[in-house]
Amino acid sequence: MAVNRRGSSAGRVVMIIADILAVILVLWILMYLLDANRGNDLVQWVHEAANWLAGWSHDLFTFDAAWARVVAGYGLAAVVYLAIGHFVANQLSRR
């Protein structure tokens, strides 16, 4: 029984971390689309965190419109973090 608790706790932590990463990425997409003030400290922090998290997918797409590149690149990263995080969490919870 203790193994299941440990497994489900570890799975819950992994899922929460994946959710937080996805929220940061989606938050940047929204801030970009709503033209948030880039001089604001919170906006800068979210942008830097999102750039770091989506470094691998940042300019993966070459749409003409900048907003489409942002949505596709950062959105893809958010979906990947959610998918992998929830898959790993599910596997840990089964143990």
PDB file of N, CA and C in Angstrom:
ATOM      1  N   MET A   1       0.815  -1.196   0.000  1.00  0.00           N
ATOM      2  CA  MET A   1       0.000   0.000   0.000  1.00  0.00           C
ATOM      3  C   MET A   1       0.860   1.262   0.000  1.00  0.00           C
ATOM      4  N   ALA A   2       1.969   1.258   0.714  1.00  0.00           N
ATOM      5  CA  ALA A   2       2.842   2.434   0.768  1.00  0.00           C
ATOM      6  C   ALA A   2       3.436   2.742  -0.597  1.00  0.00           C
ATOM      7  N   VAL A   3       3.691   1.696  -1.391  1.00  0.00           N
ATOM      8  CA  VAL A   3       4.244   1.910  -2.727  1.00  0.00           C
ATOM      9  C   VAL A   3       3.254   2.693  -3.580  1.00  0.00           C
ATOM     10  N   ASN A   4       1.970   2.361  -3.511  1.00  0.00           N
ATOM     11  CA  ASN A   4       0.964   3.086  -4.281  1.00  0.00           C
ATOM     12  C   ASN A   4       0.893   4.544  -3.879  1.00  0.00           C
ATOM     13  N   ARG A   5       0.978   4.810  -2.590  1.00  0.00           N
ATOM     14  CA  ARG A   5       0.942   6.205  -2.153  1.00  0.00           C
ATOM     15  C   ARG A   5       2.140   6.973  -2.689  1.00  0.00           C
ATOM     16  N   ARG A   6       3.314   6.351  -2.596  1.00  0.00           N
ATOM     17  CA  ARG A   6       4.505   7.011  -3.117  1.00  0.00           C
ATOM     18  C   ARG A   6       4.393   7.237  -4.612  1.00  0.00           C
ATOM     19  N   GLY A   7       3.929   6.228  -5.320  1.00  0.00           N
ATOM     20  CA  GLY A   7       3.770   6.334  -6.763  1.00  0.00           C
ATOM     21  C   GLY A   7       2.764   7.398  -7.146  1.00  0.00           C
ATOM     22  N   SER A   8       1.633   7.441  -6.448  1.00  0.00           N
ATOM     23  CA  SER A   8       0.624   8.435  -6.793  1.00  0.00           C
ATOM     24  C   SER A   8       1.076   9.832  -6.384  1.00  0.00           C
ATOM     25  N   SER A   9       1.830   9.941  -5.298  1.00  0.00           N
ATOM     26  CA  SER A   9       2.355  11.252  -4.898  1.00  0.00           C
ATOM     27  C   SER A   9       3.368  11.755  -5.918  1.00  0.00           C
ATOM     28  N   ALA A  10       4.250  10.870  -6.364  1.00  0.00           N
ATOM     29  CA  ALA A  10       5.242  11.260  -7.361  1.00  0.00           C
ATOM     30  C   ALA A  10       4.536  11.622  -8.668  1.00  0.00           C
ATOM     31  N   GLY A  11       3.527  10.851  -9.031  1.00  0.00           N
ATOM     32  CA  GLY A  11       2.762  11.145 -10.237  1.00  0.00           C
ATOM     33  C   GLY A  11       2.060  12.487 -10.144  1.00  0.00           C
ATOM     34  N   ARG A  12       1.520  12.779  -8.968  1.00  0.00           N
ATOM     35  CA  ARG A  12       0.837  14.052  -8.768  1.00  0.00           C
ATOM     36  C   ARG A  12       1.817  15.221  -8.908  1.00  0.00           C
ATOM     37  N   VAL A  13       3.014  15.067  -8.356  1.00  0.00           N
ATOM     38  CA  VAL A  13       4.033  16.125  -8.448  1.00  0.00           C
ATOM     39  C   VAL A  13       4.433  16.357  -9.902  1.00  0.00           C
ATOM     40  N   VAL A  14       4.651  15.274 -10.638  1.00  0.00           N
ATOM     41  CA  VAL A  14       5.027  15.394 -12.050  1.00  0.00           C
ATOM     42  C   VAL A  14       3.920  16.089 -12.834  1.00  0.00           C
ATOM     43  N   MET A  15       2.671  15.709 -12.559  1.00  0.00           N
ATOM     44  CA  MET A  15       1.544  16.310 -13.267  1.00  0.00           C
ATOM     45  C   MET A  15       1.415  17.799 -12.942  1.00  0.00           C
ATOM     46  N   ILE A  16       1.614  18.167 -11.699  1.00  0.00           N
ATOM     47  CA  ILE A  16       1.531  19.577 -11.303  1.00  0.00           C
ATOM     48  C   ILE A  16       2.625  20.390 -11.970  1.00  0.00           C
ATOM     49  N   ILE A  17       3.830  19.838 -12.015  1.00  0.00           N
ATOM     50  CA  ILE A  17       4.941  20.546 -12.672  1.00  0.00           C
ATOM     51  C   ILE A  17       4.652  20.734 -14.163  1.00  0.00           C
ATOM     52  N   ALA A  18       4.167  19.684 -14.817  1.00  0.00           N
ATOM     53  CA  ALA A  18       3.831  19.788 -16.248  1.00  0.00           C
ATOM     54  C   ALA A  18       2.742  20.828 -16.469  1.00  0.00           C
ATOM     55  N   ASP A  19       1.760  20.857 -15.583  1.00  0.00           N
ATOM     56  CA  ASP A  19       0.679  21.840 -15.700  1.00  0.00           C
ATOM     57  C   ASP A  19       1.201  23.264 -15.532  1.00  0.00           C
ATOM     58  N   ILE A  20       2.097  23.467 -14.580  1.00  0.00           N
ATOM     59  CA  ILE A  20       2.669  24.802 -14.355  1.00  0.00           C
ATOM     60  C   ILE A  20       3.462  25.257 -15.577  1.00  0.00           C
ATOM     61  N   LEU A  21       4.243  24.362 -16.151  1.00  0.00           N
ATOM     62  CA  LEU A  21       5.019  24.714 -17.345  1.00  0.00           C
ATOM     63  C   LEU A  21       4.091  25.103 -18.490  1.00  0.00           C
ATOM     64  N   ALA A  22       3.021  24.333 -18.672  1.00  0.00           N
ATOM     65  CA  ALA A  22       2.066  24.648 -19.735  1.00  0.00           C
ATOM     66  C   ALA A  22       1.360  25.976 -19.470  1.00  0.00           C
ATOM     67  N   VAL A  23       1.038  26.252 -18.227  1.00  0.00           N
ATOM     68  CA  VAL A  23       0.377  27.519 -17.884  1.00  0.00           C
ATOM     69  C   VAL A  23       1.286  28.698 -18.213  1.00  0.00           C
ATOM     70  N   ILE A  24       2.567  28.581 -17.919  1.00  0.00           N
ATOM     71  CA  ILE A  24       3.510  29.658 -18.234  1.00  0.00           C
ATOM     72  C   ILE A  24       3.525  29.909 -19.741  1.00  0.00           C
ATOM     73  N   LEU A  25       3.566  28.845 -20.519  1.00  0.00           N
ATOM     74  CA  LEU A  25       3.594  28.989 -21.976  1.00  0.00           C
ATOM     75  C   LEU A  25       2.300  29.592 -22.508  1.00  0.00           C
ATOM     76  N   VAL A  26       1.172  29.130 -22.021  1.00  0.00           N
ATOM     77  CA  VAL A  26      -0.114  29.669 -22.465  1.00  0.00           C
ATOM     78  C   VAL A  26      -0.266  31.118 -22.014  1.00  0.00           C
ATOM     79  N   LEU A  27       0.224  31.416 -20.823  1.00  0.00           N
ATOM     80  CA  LEU A  27       0.174  32.796 -20.337  1.00  0.00           C
ATOM     81  C   LEU A  27       0.967  33.718 -21.257  1.00  0.00           C
ATOM     82  N   TRP A  28       2.126  33.273 -21.723  1.00  0.00           N
ATOM     83  CA  TRP A  28       2.896  34.105 -22.651  1.00  0.00           C
ATOM     84  C   TRP A  28       2.151  34.285 -23.972  1.00  0.00           C
ATOM     85  N   ILE A  29       1.531  33.210 -24.467  1.00  0.00           N
ATOM     86  CA  ILE A  29       0.761  33.331 -25.708  1.00  0.00           C
ATOM     87  C   ILE A  29      -0.322  34.396 -25.541  1.00  0.00           C
ATOM     88  N   LEU A  30      -1.051  34.338 -24.436  1.00  0.00           N
ATOM     89  CA  LEU A  30      -2.104  35.330 -24.189  1.00  0.00           C
ATOM     90  C   LEU A  30      -1.538  36.739 -24.058  1.00  0.00           C
ATOM     91  N   MET A  31      -0.425  36.870 -23.329  1.00  0.00           N
ATOM     92  CA  MET A  31       0.191  38.195 -23.169  1.00  0.00           C
ATOM     93  C   MET A  31       0.639  38.743 -24.519  1.00  0.00           C
ATOM     94  N   TYR A  32       1.187  37.878 -25.363  1.00  0.00           N
ATOM     95  CA  TYR A  32       1.618  38.307 -26.690  1.00  0.00           C
ATOM     96  C   TYR A  32       0.425  38.751 -27.523  1.00  0.00           C
ATOM     97  N   LEU A  33      -0.617  37.926 -27.538  1.00  0.00           N
ATOM     98  CA  LEU A  33      -1.795  38.235 -28.348  1.00  0.00           C
ATOM     99  C   LEU A  33      -2.522  39.492 -27.871  1.00  0.00           C
ATOM    100  N   LEU A  34      -2.482  39.729 -26.563  1.00  0.00           N
ATOM    101  CA  LEU A  34      -3.145  40.904 -25.995  1.00  0.00           C
ATOM    102  C   LEU A  34      -2.223  42.114 -25.928  1.00  0.00           C
ATOM    103  N   ASP A  35      -1.020  41.975 -26.497  1.00  0.00           N
ATOM    104  CA  ASP A  35      -0.037  43.056 -26.566  1.00  0.00           C
ATOM    105  C   ASP A  35       0.287  43.626 -25.181  1.00  0.00           C
ATOM    106  N   ALA A  36       0.656  42.732 -24.261  1.00  0.00           N
ATOM    107  CA  ALA A  36       1.005  43.146 -22.908  1.00  0.00           C
ATOM    108  C   ALA A  36       2.246  44.028 -22.920  1.00  0.00           C
ATOM    109  N   ASN A  37       2.339  44.904 -21.955  1.00  0.00           N
ATOM    110  CA  ASN A  37       3.458  45.841 -21.819  1.00  0.00           C
ATOM    111  C   ASN A  37       4.739  45.074 -21.513  1.00  0.00           C
ATOM    112  N   ARG A  38       5.645  45.012 -22.462  1.00  0.00           N
ATOM    113  CA  ARG A  38       6.885  44.247 -22.284  1.00  0.00           C
ATOM    114  C   ARG A  38       7.856  44.909 -21.319  1.00  0.00           C
ATOM    115  N   GLY A  39       7.555  46.122 -20.891  1.00  0.00           N
ATOM    116  CA  GLY A  39       8.366  46.780 -19.876  1.00  0.00           C
ATOM    117  C   GLY A  39       7.995  46.357 -18.467  1.00  0.00           C
ATOM    118  N   ASN A  40       6.865  45.673 -18.330  1.00  0.00           N
ATOM    119  CA  ASN A  40       6.405  45.203 -17.035  1.00  0.00           C
ATOM    120  C   ASN A  40       7.238  44.007 -16.585  1.00  0.00           C
ATOM    121  N   ASP A  41       7.598  43.968 -15.289  1.00  0.00           N
ATOM    122  CA  ASP A  41       8.451  42.901 -14.769  1.00  0.00           C
ATOM    123  C   ASP A  41       7.813  41.516 -14.908  1.00  0.00           C
ATOM    124  N   LEU A  42       6.522  41.419 -14.620  1.00  0.00           N
ATOM    125  CA  LEU A  42       5.843  40.124 -14.739  1.00  0.00           C
ATOM    126  C   LEU A  42       5.842  39.646 -16.182  1.00  0.00           C
ATOM    127  N   VAL A  43       5.545  40.534 -17.100  1.00  0.00           N
ATOM    128  CA  VAL A  43       5.521  40.171 -18.520  1.00  0.00           C
ATOM    129  C   VAL A  43       6.917  39.732 -18.960  1.00  0.00           C
ATOM    130  N   GLN A  44       7.941  40.437 -18.527  1.00  0.00           N
ATOM    131  CA  GLN A  44       9.311  40.061 -18.872  1.00  0.00           C
ATOM    132  C   GLN A  44       9.660  38.683 -18.326  1.00  0.00           C
ATOM    133  N   TRP A  45       9.270  38.420 -17.063  1.00  0.00           N
ATOM    134  CA  TRP A  45       9.573  37.128 -16.455  1.00  0.00           C
ATOM    135  C   TRP A  45       8.883  35.995 -17.206  1.00  0.00           C
ATOM    136  N   VAL A  46       7.603  36.174 -17.495  1.00  0.00           N
ATOM    137  CA  VAL A  46       6.850  35.143 -18.221  1.00  0.00           C
ATOM    138  C   VAL A  46       7.462  34.929 -19.604  1.00  0.00           C
ATOM    139  N   HIS A  47       7.843  36.001 -20.281  1.00  0.00           N
ATOM    140  CA  HIS A  47       8.443  35.888 -21.614  1.00  0.00           C
ATOM    141  C   HIS A  47       9.766  35.126 -21.555  1.00  0.00           C
ATOM    142  N   GLU A  48      10.617  35.473 -20.592  1.00  0.00           N
ATOM    143  CA  GLU A  48      11.904  34.783 -20.467  1.00  0.00           C
ATOM    144  C   GLU A  48      11.715  33.313 -20.113  1.00  0.00           C
ATOM    145  N   ALA A  49      10.794  33.026 -19.204  1.00  0.00           N
ATOM    146  CA  ALA A  49      10.533  31.636 -18.824  1.00  0.00           C
ATOM    147  C   ALA A  49       9.981  30.856 -20.020  1.00  0.00           C
ATOM    148  N   ALA A  50       9.051  31.452 -20.749  1.00  0.00           N
ATOM    149  CA  ALA A  50       8.470  30.789 -21.913  1.00  0.00           C
ATOM    150  C   ALA A  50       9.525  30.566 -22.997  1.00  0.00           C
ATOM    151  N   ASN A  51      10.402  31.535 -23.204  1.00  0.00           N
ATOM    152  CA  ASN A  51      11.480  31.363 -24.188  1.00  0.00           C
ATOM    153  C   ASN A  51      12.369  30.192 -23.808  1.00  0.00           C
ATOM    154  N   TRP A  52      12.678  30.082 -22.529  1.00  0.00           N
ATOM    155  CA  TRP A  52      13.531  28.990 -22.070  1.00  0.00           C
ATOM    156  C   TRP A  52      12.822  27.649 -22.240  1.00  0.00           C
ATOM    157  N   LEU A  53      11.549  27.600 -21.833  1.00  0.00           N
ATOM    158  CA  LEU A  53      10.793  26.348 -21.911  1.00  0.00           C
ATOM    159  C   LEU A  53      10.543  25.906 -23.348  1.00  0.00           C
ATOM    160  N   ALA A  54      10.359  26.853 -24.248  1.00  0.00           N
ATOM    161  CA  ALA A  54      10.043  26.526 -25.638  1.00  0.00           C
ATOM    162  C   ALA A  54      11.235  26.745 -26.558  1.00  0.00           C
ATOM    163  N   GLY A  55      12.415  26.730 -26.010  1.00  0.00           N
ATOM    164  CA  GLY A  55      13.610  26.941 -26.818  1.00  0.00           C
ATOM    165  C   GLY A  55      13.715  25.985 -27.987  1.00  0.00           C
ATOM    166  N   TRP A  56      13.265  24.762 -27.791  1.00  0.00           N
ATOM    167  CA  TRP A  56      13.338  23.735 -28.833  1.00  0.00           C
ATOM    168  C   TRP A  56      12.269  23.909 -29.907  1.00  0.00           C
ATOM    169  N   SER A  57      11.189  24.607 -29.590  1.00  0.00           N
ATOM    170  CA  SER A  57      10.104  24.740 -30.572  1.00  0.00           C
ATOM    171  C   SER A  57       9.837  26.191 -30.961  1.00  0.00           C
ATOM    172  N   HIS A  58      10.657  27.090 -30.466  1.00  0.00           N
ATOM    173  CA  HIS A  58      10.387  28.527 -30.605  1.00  0.00           C
ATOM    174  C   HIS A  58      10.186  28.955 -32.047  1.00  0.00           C
ATOM    175  N   ASP A  59      11.105  28.744 -32.918  1.00  0.00           N
ATOM    176  CA  ASP A  59      10.948  29.159 -34.321  1.00  0.00           C
ATOM    177  C   ASP A  59      10.845  27.946 -35.238  1.00  0.00           C
ATOM    178  N   LEU A  60      10.133  26.953 -34.789  1.00  0.00           N
ATOM    179  CA  LEU A  60       9.968  25.718 -35.542  1.00  0.00           C
ATOM    180  C   LEU A  60       9.087  25.930 -36.771  1.00  0.00           C
ATOM    181  N   PHE A  61       8.112  26.813 -36.649  1.00  0.00           N
ATOM    182  CA  PHE A  61       7.177  27.077 -37.739  1.00  0.00           C
ATOM    183  C   PHE A  61       7.518  28.404 -38.411  1.00  0.00           C
ATOM    184  N   THR A  62       7.231  28.508 -39.699  1.00  0.00           N
ATOM    185  CA  THR A  62       7.594  29.710 -40.448  1.00  0.00           C
ATOM    186  C   THR A  62       6.377  30.395 -41.054  1.00  0.00           C
ATOM    187  N   PHE A  63       5.335  30.547 -40.256  1.00  0.00           N
ATOM    188  CA  PHE A  63       4.165  31.282 -40.726  1.00  0.00           C
ATOM    189  C   PHE A  63       4.548  32.726 -40.993  1.00  0.00           C
ATOM    190  N   ASP A  64       3.851  33.376 -41.910  1.00  0.00           N
ATOM    191  CA  ASP A  64       4.121  34.782 -42.204  1.00  0.00           C
ATOM    192  C   ASP A  64       3.741  35.685 -41.042  1.00  0.00           C
ATOM    193  N   ALA A  65       2.642  35.387 -40.392  1.00  0.00           N
ATOM    194  CA  ALA A  65       2.173  36.220 -39.278  1.00  0.00           C
ATOM    195  C   ALA A  65       2.909  35.838 -37.996  1.00  0.00           C
ATOM    196  N   ALA A  66       3.441  36.847 -37.320  1.00  0.00           N
ATOM    197  CA  ALA A  66       4.190  36.608 -36.081  1.00  0.00           C
ATOM    198  C   ALA A  66       3.318  35.949 -35.023  1.00  0.00           C
ATOM    199  N   TRP A  67       2.044  36.359 -34.933  1.00  0.00           N
ATOM    200  CA  TRP A  67       1.169  35.778 -33.912  1.00  0.00           C
ATOM    201  C   TRP A  67       0.975  34.285 -34.139  1.00  0.00           C
ATOM    202  N   ALA A  68       0.952  33.850 -35.380  1.00  0.00           N
ATOM    203  CA  ALA A  68       0.780  32.427 -35.683  1.00  0.00           C
ATOM    204  C   ALA A  68       2.018  31.635 -35.272  1.00  0.00           C
ATOM    205  N   ARG A  69       3.203  32.223 -35.479  1.00  0.00           N
ATOM    206  CA  ARG A  69       4.444  31.565 -35.053  1.00  0.00           C
ATOM    207  C   ARG A  69       4.475  31.419 -33.538  1.00  0.00           C
ATOM    208  N   VAL A  70       4.040  32.460 -32.827  1.00  0.00           N
ATOM    209  CA  VAL A  70       4.024  32.417 -31.356  1.00  0.00           C
ATOM    210  C   VAL A  70       3.042  31.353 -30.872  1.00  0.00           C
ATOM    211  N   VAL A  71       1.839  31.366 -31.410  1.00  0.00           N
ATOM    212  CA  VAL A  71       0.820  30.403 -30.982  1.00  0.00           C
ATOM    213  C   VAL A  71       1.267  28.978 -31.299  1.00  0.00           C
ATOM    214  N   ALA A  72       1.780  28.752 -32.492  1.00  0.00           N
ATOM    215  CA  ALA A  72       2.179  27.400 -32.883  1.00  0.00           C
ATOM    216  C   ALA A  72       3.404  26.923 -32.104  1.00  0.00           C
ATOM    217  N   GLY A  73       4.421  27.749 -32.010  1.00  0.00           N
ATOM    218  CA  GLY A  73       5.656  27.342 -31.339  1.00  0.00           C
ATOM    219  C   GLY A  73       5.487  27.133 -29.849  1.00  0.00           C
ATOM    220  N   TYR A  74       4.942  28.119 -29.172  1.00  0.00           N
ATOM    221  CA  TYR A  74       4.757  28.007 -27.721  1.00  0.00           C
ATOM    222  C   TYR A  74       3.611  27.058 -27.390  1.00  0.00           C
ATOM    223  N   GLY A  75       2.586  27.026 -28.238  1.00  0.00           N
ATOM    224  CA  GLY A  75       1.476  26.108 -28.025  1.00  0.00           C
ATOM    225  C   GLY A  75       1.909  24.659 -28.150  1.00  0.00           C
ATOM    226  N   LEU A  76       2.743  24.374 -29.134  1.00  0.00           N
ATOM    227  CA  LEU A  76       3.266  23.021 -29.292  1.00  0.00           C
ATOM    228  C   LEU A  76       4.040  22.604 -28.046  1.00  0.00           C
ATOM    229  N   ALA A  77       4.878  23.490 -27.543  1.00  0.00           N
ATOM    230  CA  ALA A  77       5.647  23.180 -26.338  1.00  0.00           C
ATOM    231  C   ALA A  77       4.711  22.893 -25.166  1.00  0.00           C
ATOM    232  N   ALA A  78       3.665  23.683 -25.012  1.00  0.00           N
ATOM    233  CA  ALA A  78       2.713  23.473 -23.915  1.00  0.00           C
ATOM    234  C   ALA A  78       2.037  22.112 -24.042  1.00  0.00           C
ATOM    235  N   VAL A  79       1.619  21.751 -25.242  1.00  0.00           N
ATOM    236  CA  VAL A  79       0.956  20.461 -25.455  1.00  0.00           C
ATOM    237  C   VAL A  79       1.916  19.314 -25.179  1.00  0.00           C
ATOM    238  N   VAL A  80       3.164  19.445 -25.610  1.00  0.00           N
ATOM    239  CA  VAL A  80       4.155  18.391 -25.381  1.00  0.00           C
ATOM    240  C   VAL A  80       4.426  18.223 -23.889  1.00  0.00           C
ATOM    241  N   TYR A  81       4.604  19.344 -23.163  1.00  0.00           N
ATOM    242  CA  TYR A  81       4.820  19.247 -21.713  1.00  0.00           C
ATOM    243  C   TYR A  81       3.634  18.583 -21.033  1.00  0.00           C
ATOM    244  N   LEU A  82       2.423  18.945 -21.430  1.00  0.00           N
ATOM    245  CA  LEU A  82       1.235  18.331 -20.831  1.00  0.00           C
ATOM    246  C   LEU A  82       1.167  16.834 -21.153  1.00  0.00           C
ATOM    247  N   ALA A  83       1.378  16.487 -22.394  1.00  0.00           N
ATOM    248  CA  ALA A  83       1.278  15.085 -22.805  1.00  0.00           C
ATOM    249  C   ALA A  83       2.320  14.221 -22.101  1.00  0.00           C
ATOM    250  N   ILE A  84       3.564  14.653 -22.138  1.00  0.00           N
ATOM    251  CA  ILE A  84       4.627  13.870 -21.513  1.00  0.00           C
ATOM    252  C   ILE A  84       4.458  13.843 -19.992  1.00  0.00           C
ATOM    253  N   GLY A  85       4.160  14.995 -19.412  1.00  0.00           N
ATOM    254  CA  GLY A  85       3.991  15.058 -17.962  1.00  0.00           C
ATOM    255  C   GLY A  85       2.866  14.182 -17.463  1.00  0.00           C
ATOM    256  N   HIS A  86       1.738  14.211 -18.152  1.00  0.00           N
ATOM    257  CA  HIS A  86       0.600  13.399 -17.730  1.00  0.00           C
ATOM    258  C   HIS A  86       0.831  11.910 -18.006  1.00  0.00           C
ATOM    259  N   PHE A  87       1.547  11.600 -19.068  1.00  0.00           N
ATOM    260  CA  PHE A  87       1.892  10.204 -19.344  1.00  0.00           C
ATOM    261  C   PHE A  87       2.800   9.662 -18.238  1.00  0.00           C
ATOM    262  N   VAL A  88       3.836  10.422 -17.906  1.00  0.00           N
ATOM    263  CA  VAL A  88       4.757   9.988 -16.846  1.00  0.00           C
ATOM    264  C   VAL A  88       4.017   9.888 -15.510  1.00  0.00           C
ATOM    265  N   ALA A  89       3.174  10.861 -15.220  1.00  0.00           N
ATOM    266  CA  ALA A  89       2.398  10.832 -13.977  1.00  0.00           C
ATOM    267  C   ALA A  89       1.514   9.595 -13.920  1.00  0.00           C
ATOM    268  N   ASN A  90       0.893   9.256 -15.044  1.00  0.00           N
ATOM    269  CA  ASN A  90       0.041   8.070 -15.093  1.00  0.00           C
ATOM    270  C   ASN A  90       0.856   6.803 -14.850  1.00  0.00           C
ATOM    271  N   GLN A  91       2.035   6.742 -15.448  1.00  0.00           N
ATOM    272  CA  GLN A  91       2.891   5.568 -15.262  1.00  0.00           C
ATOM    273  C   GLN A  91       3.353   5.453 -13.807  1.00  0.00           C
ATOM    274  N   LEU A  92       3.685   6.562 -13.192  1.00  0.00           N
ATOM    275  CA  LEU A  92       4.107   6.557 -11.789  1.00  0.00           C
ATOM    276  C   LEU A  92       2.955   6.187 -10.861  1.00  0.00           C
ATOM    277  N   SER A  93       1.764   6.583 -11.190  1.00  0.00           N
ATOM    278  CA  SER A  93       0.603   6.302 -10.355  1.00  0.00           C
ATOM    279  C   SER A  93       0.214   4.822 -10.413  1.00  0.00           C
ATOM    280  N   ARG A  94       0.572   4.155 -11.477  1.00  0.00           N
ATOM    281  CA  ARG A  94       0.248   2.728 -11.619  1.00  0.00           C
ATOM    282  C   ARG A  94       1.141   1.846 -10.755  1.00  0.00           C
ATOM    283  N   ARG A  95       2.274   2.379 -10.348  1.00  0.00           N
ATOM    284  CA  ARG A  95       3.224   1.564  -9.560  1.00  0.00           C
ATOM    285  C   ARG A  95       2.796   1.433  -8.144  1.00  0.00           C
TER     286      ARG A  95
END
